[in-house]
Amino acid sequence: MRPGAFLAGSVVVLAAIAACTSQDRPPAEGDCVATAGHPCTTGVVGGSSGGGDGSAGSCSVSAGSSECDLCAEGSCCTELQNCANLPACENLVSCEDNCNDVSSCLTACQQEFPTGVSTLQSFDSCLSVRCLVCNESGVGDPCSSQFPPCVAGLSCNGSWCTKACARSTDCAGLGAGGTSSLGTANVCVATTSGDLCTPDCGSGGVCTDFVSTYCLATTAVDGTAVSVCSFLPEASTSD
């Protein structure tokens, strides 16, 4: 098993590698966790300042990057680029992302691309130490024993991470543009437990990611017509 697995399948690794370029950019802020010798700085990451083995370069980030990508590109740029520059590492990432954490599959991928194992482990190790957000679930992300724990301040309602809200803007997730890891928005709706952040299913069948739920047409707390994931009614019996 490779260490530091994050966000259920490491899809974020692919996104971060794809975003890595030779252009300078400001580093990530907020969720980066500084360690000895690896601070989260406010300067430009990489560049041509000299020193090192020349493999670092710089990582670029788009305005819609997820919180994990922002930290990965800001605090683990060298490790990210080392993987991006090694086809065996990129192939290993792609292979493992389709394993669904099945150990036999992960082992087979590592045997198929052995020269990429140590490079990917270095990147994963960096993320596990300096980017804790990469191993956390945000609003609207699935939550169960198979997924990372909800971020502090959120609770798991049995299917997704949620919190009390007063408006839909309170429900930003950790994904790109404030979406969830599934790429969907969250909205604030009234529930039997109060006003809570809930996954929006108006643009697709996101509810298939949550057991025993369906897409319910309802109204958000601000009066906007929305469709959200809702738990199926429990069957009842009469005497």
Protein backbone atom coordinates (compact mmCIF):
# COMPACT_ATOMS: atom_id res chain seq x y z
CA MET A 1 0.00 0.00 0.00
CA ARG A 2 1.38 3.41 -0.80
CA PRO A 3 1.47 5.87 2.09
CA GLY A 4 -0.51 9.06 2.28
CA ALA A 5 -3.50 8.01 0.19
CA PHE A 6 -5.92 10.91 0.08
CA LEU A 7 -9.31 11.95 -1.22
CA ALA A 8 -10.43 8.44 -2.01
CA GLY A 9 -8.49 7.46 -5.09
CA SER A 10 -5.94 10.27 -5.33
CA VAL A 11 -7.78 12.02 -8.15
CA VAL A 12 -6.27 15.20 -6.78
CA VAL A 13 -2.79 13.89 -7.60
CA LEU A 14 -3.65 13.82 -11.27
CA ALA A 15 -5.13 17.31 -11.10
CA ALA A 16 -2.08 18.67 -9.34
CA ILE A 17 0.32 17.03 -11.79
CA ALA A 18 -1.66 18.37 -14.73
CA ALA A 19 -1.47 21.88 -13.28
CA CYS A 20 2.28 21.81 -12.85
CA THR A 21 4.00 24.13 -15.36
CA SER A 22 7.19 26.14 -15.76
CA GLN A 23 5.49 29.43 -14.87
CA ASP A 24 5.98 31.24 -11.58
CA ARG A 25 2.94 31.86 -9.39
CA PRO A 26 2.06 32.81 -5.80
CA PRO A 27 2.05 29.83 -3.42
CA ALA A 28 -0.96 28.32 -1.69
CA GLU A 29 -2.06 29.68 1.65
CA GLY A 30 -4.27 28.61 4.50
CA ASP A 31 -4.29 24.83 4.64
CA CYS A 32 -0.56 24.31 4.10
CA VAL A 33 1.17 22.93 7.18
CA ALA A 34 4.71 24.20 7.56
CA THR A 35 7.42 21.85 8.81
CA ALA A 36 11.13 22.25 9.49
CA GLY A 37 12.83 23.17 6.25
CA HIS A 38 9.54 23.32 4.35
CA PRO A 39 7.69 26.51 5.29
CA CYS A 40 4.57 27.80 3.58
CA THR A 41 6.01 31.07 2.31
CA THR A 42 4.48 34.15 0.72
CA GLY A 43 7.01 34.37 -2.10
CA VAL A 44 7.12 32.70 -5.50
CA VAL A 45 7.54 28.94 -5.51
CA GLY A 46 10.35 27.60 -7.64
CA GLY A 47 11.74 29.81 -10.37
CA SER A 48 15.37 30.23 -11.36
CA SER A 49 16.88 31.35 -8.09
CA GLY A 50 19.66 28.83 -8.38
CA GLY A 51 20.72 25.92 -6.20
CA GLY A 52 19.12 22.50 -5.90
CA ASP A 53 19.13 19.81 -8.59
CA GLY A 54 17.12 21.82 -11.09
CA SER A 55 14.07 19.58 -10.84
CA ALA A 56 11.88 21.91 -8.84
CA GLY A 57 10.89 24.63 -11.31
CA SER A 58 7.54 26.19 -10.46
CA CYS A 59 3.95 25.05 -10.19
CA SER A 60 1.03 27.01 -11.52
CA VAL A 61 -2.45 27.08 -10.06
CA SER A 62 -5.75 28.05 -11.63
CA ALA A 63 -8.41 30.14 -9.94
CA GLY A 64 -10.66 27.09 -9.68
CA SER A 65 -8.19 24.74 -8.02
CA SER A 66 -9.27 22.69 -5.01
CA GLU A 67 -7.89 23.43 -1.54
CA CYS A 68 -5.72 20.30 -1.78
CA ASP A 69 -4.33 21.30 -5.18
CA LEU A 70 -3.53 24.77 -3.88
CA CYS A 71 -1.51 23.32 -1.02
CA ALA A 72 0.10 20.58 -3.11
CA GLU A 73 1.28 23.05 -5.73
CA GLY A 74 2.48 25.49 -3.10
CA SER A 75 4.12 23.23 -0.52
CA CYS A 76 5.04 20.09 -2.48
CA CYS A 77 5.97 21.57 -5.84
CA THR A 78 9.33 19.81 -6.15
CA GLU A 79 7.87 16.39 -5.34
CA LEU A 80 4.92 17.05 -7.65
CA GLN A 81 7.14 18.00 -10.58
CA ASN A 82 9.43 15.04 -9.99
CA CYS A 83 6.40 12.80 -10.55
CA ALA A 84 5.14 14.87 -13.48
CA ASN A 85 8.54 14.53 -15.17
CA LEU A 86 8.65 10.74 -14.74
CA PRO A 87 6.26 8.77 -17.00
CA ALA A 88 6.42 5.74 -14.70
CA CYS A 89 5.15 7.89 -11.80
CA GLU A 90 2.31 9.38 -13.85
CA ASN A 91 1.34 5.91 -15.08
CA LEU A 92 1.42 4.58 -11.52
CA VAL A 93 -0.89 7.39 -10.37
CA SER A 94 -3.34 6.63 -13.17
CA CYS A 95 -3.21 2.90 -12.45
CA GLU A 96 -3.72 3.24 -8.69
CA ASP A 97 -6.56 5.73 -9.10
CA ASN A 98 -8.64 2.92 -10.60
CA CYS A 99 -7.92 0.42 -7.81
CA ASN A 100 -10.50 1.68 -5.32
CA ASP A 101 -7.94 1.00 -2.56
CA VAL A 102 -7.89 -2.76 -3.29
CA SER A 103 -4.47 -3.85 -2.01
CA SER A 104 -3.91 -6.55 -4.65
CA CYS A 105 -4.59 -4.02 -7.40
CA LEU A 106 -2.27 -1.43 -5.85
CA THR A 107 0.47 -4.04 -5.60
CA ALA A 108 -0.01 -5.02 -9.24
CA CYS A 109 0.27 -1.37 -10.30
CA GLN A 110 3.50 -0.98 -8.35
CA GLN A 111 4.90 -4.11 -9.97
CA GLU A 112 3.91 -2.78 -13.39
CA PHE A 113 5.63 0.60 -12.83
CA PRO A 114 8.34 -0.08 -10.20
CA THR A 115 10.51 2.89 -11.14
CA GLY A 116 7.71 5.28 -10.22
CA VAL A 117 7.03 3.93 -6.73
CA SER A 118 9.60 5.87 -4.71
CA THR A 119 8.84 9.14 -6.52
CA LEU A 120 5.11 8.84 -5.87
CA GLN A 121 5.72 7.85 -2.26
CA SER A 122 7.80 11.01 -1.79
CA PHE A 123 4.95 13.13 -3.14
CA ASP A 124 2.36 11.34 -0.98
CA SER A 125 4.59 11.69 2.09
CA CYS A 126 4.93 15.42 1.49
CA LEU A 127 1.15 15.80 1.22
CA SER A 128 0.51 13.78 4.37
CA VAL A 129 2.81 16.07 6.38
CA ARG A 130 2.29 19.49 4.83
CA CYS A 131 -1.17 19.33 3.27
CA LEU A 132 -3.53 17.85 5.83
CA VAL A 133 -6.48 19.14 3.79
CA CYS A 134 -5.69 16.46 1.19
CA ASN A 135 -6.75 13.82 3.69
CA GLU A 136 -9.95 15.49 4.85
CA SER A 137 -13.52 15.54 3.55
CA GLY A 138 -15.36 18.84 3.13
CA VAL A 139 -18.99 19.88 2.85
CA GLY A 140 -20.89 17.58 0.49
CA ASP A 141 -18.15 14.94 0.39
CA PRO A 142 -19.10 11.31 1.11
CA CYS A 143 -18.37 10.29 4.69
CA SER A 144 -17.98 6.74 5.91
CA SER A 145 -15.21 4.43 7.07
CA GLN A 146 -14.01 4.26 3.45
CA PHE A 147 -13.40 8.02 3.20
CA PRO A 148 -11.22 10.55 5.03
CA PRO A 149 -12.79 12.15 8.13
CA CYS A 150 -14.84 15.33 7.84
CA VAL A 151 -12.97 18.58 8.43
CA ALA A 152 -13.17 19.86 12.00
CA GLY A 153 -16.45 21.69 12.51
CA LEU A 154 -18.40 19.43 10.16
CA SER A 155 -20.47 16.37 11.02
CA CYS A 156 -21.36 13.25 9.08
CA ASN A 157 -25.10 12.70 8.66
CA GLY A 158 -24.51 9.13 7.56
CA SER A 159 -23.77 9.91 3.92
CA TRP A 160 -22.07 13.30 3.53
CA CYS A 161 -20.23 15.90 5.59
CA THR A 162 -22.47 18.80 6.57
CA LYS A 163 -22.92 21.72 8.96
CA ALA A 164 -25.56 24.20 10.06
CA CYS A 165 -26.04 27.10 7.65
CA ALA A 166 -27.96 30.33 7.17
CA ARG A 167 -27.39 30.66 3.41
CA SER A 168 -26.00 28.56 0.59
CA THR A 169 -22.76 30.55 0.52
CA ASP A 170 -22.03 28.99 3.93
CA CYS A 171 -21.76 25.61 2.23
CA ALA A 172 -18.57 25.90 0.18
CA GLY A 173 -16.66 22.62 -0.14
CA LEU A 174 -12.97 21.85 -0.52
CA GLY A 175 -13.22 21.14 -4.25
CA ALA A 176 -12.52 23.46 -7.17
CA GLY A 177 -14.51 26.67 -6.95
CA GLY A 178 -16.01 25.70 -3.60
CA THR A 179 -17.62 22.51 -4.87
CA SER A 180 -17.44 19.11 -3.20
CA SER A 181 -14.91 16.43 -4.16
CA LEU A 182 -17.64 15.14 -6.51
CA GLY A 183 -17.52 18.44 -8.38
CA THR A 184 -21.02 19.51 -7.37
CA ALA A 185 -22.31 22.52 -5.46
CA ASN A 186 -23.92 22.47 -2.03
CA VAL A 187 -26.97 24.43 -0.91
CA CYS A 188 -28.55 25.31 2.43
CA VAL A 189 -31.96 23.70 2.93
CA ALA A 190 -34.32 23.10 5.83
CA THR A 191 -34.24 19.55 7.18
CA THR A 192 -35.76 17.78 10.16
CA SER A 193 -32.46 18.48 11.92
CA GLY A 194 -32.40 22.19 11.07
CA ASP A 195 -30.97 24.20 8.19
CA LEU A 196 -28.07 22.13 6.84
CA CYS A 197 -25.68 22.11 3.88
CA THR A 198 -26.83 19.52 1.36
CA PRO A 199 -25.43 18.30 -2.01
CA ASP A 200 -27.11 19.87 -5.03
CA CYS A 201 -28.23 17.24 -7.56
CA GLY A 202 -29.91 19.60 -9.99
CA SER A 203 -27.21 19.13 -12.65
CA GLY A 204 -26.84 15.35 -12.51
CA GLY A 205 -27.15 12.11 -10.58
CA VAL A 206 -24.75 12.91 -7.76
CA CYS A 207 -27.12 11.17 -5.32
CA THR A 208 -25.91 7.82 -6.65
CA ASP A 209 -22.82 8.44 -4.52
CA PHE A 210 -24.94 8.37 -1.37
CA VAL A 211 -26.69 5.17 -0.33
CA SER A 212 -30.49 5.25 0.12
CA THR A 213 -30.92 8.79 -1.19
CA TYR A 214 -32.74 10.35 -4.12
CA CYS A 215 -32.86 13.75 -5.84
CA LEU A 216 -35.58 15.87 -4.23
CA ALA A 217 -37.00 19.07 -5.72
CA THR A 218 -37.33 21.60 -2.91
CA THR A 219 -36.55 25.19 -1.91
CA ALA A 220 -33.34 26.53 -0.43
CA VAL A 221 -33.48 28.72 2.69
CA ASP A 222 -33.15 31.80 0.49
CA GLY A 223 -36.25 30.81 -1.48
CA THR A 224 -34.43 29.53 -4.56
CA ALA A 225 -35.83 26.41 -6.25
CA VAL A 226 -33.23 23.64 -5.98
CA SER A 227 -32.85 19.87 -6.20
CA VAL A 228 -30.91 18.21 -3.40
CA CYS A 229 -30.02 14.73 -2.22
CA SER A 230 -32.47 13.46 0.38
CA PHE A 231 -32.76 10.23 2.30
CA LEU A 232 -35.41 7.79 1.17
CA PRO A 233 -38.41 7.65 3.52
CA GLU A 234 -38.21 4.79 5.98
CA ALA A 235 -40.80 2.10 5.36
CA SER A 236 -43.42 1.89 8.11
CA THR A 237 -45.77 -0.86 9.15
CA SER A 238 -49.15 -0.69 10.82
CA ASP A 239 -50.62 -3.05 13.37
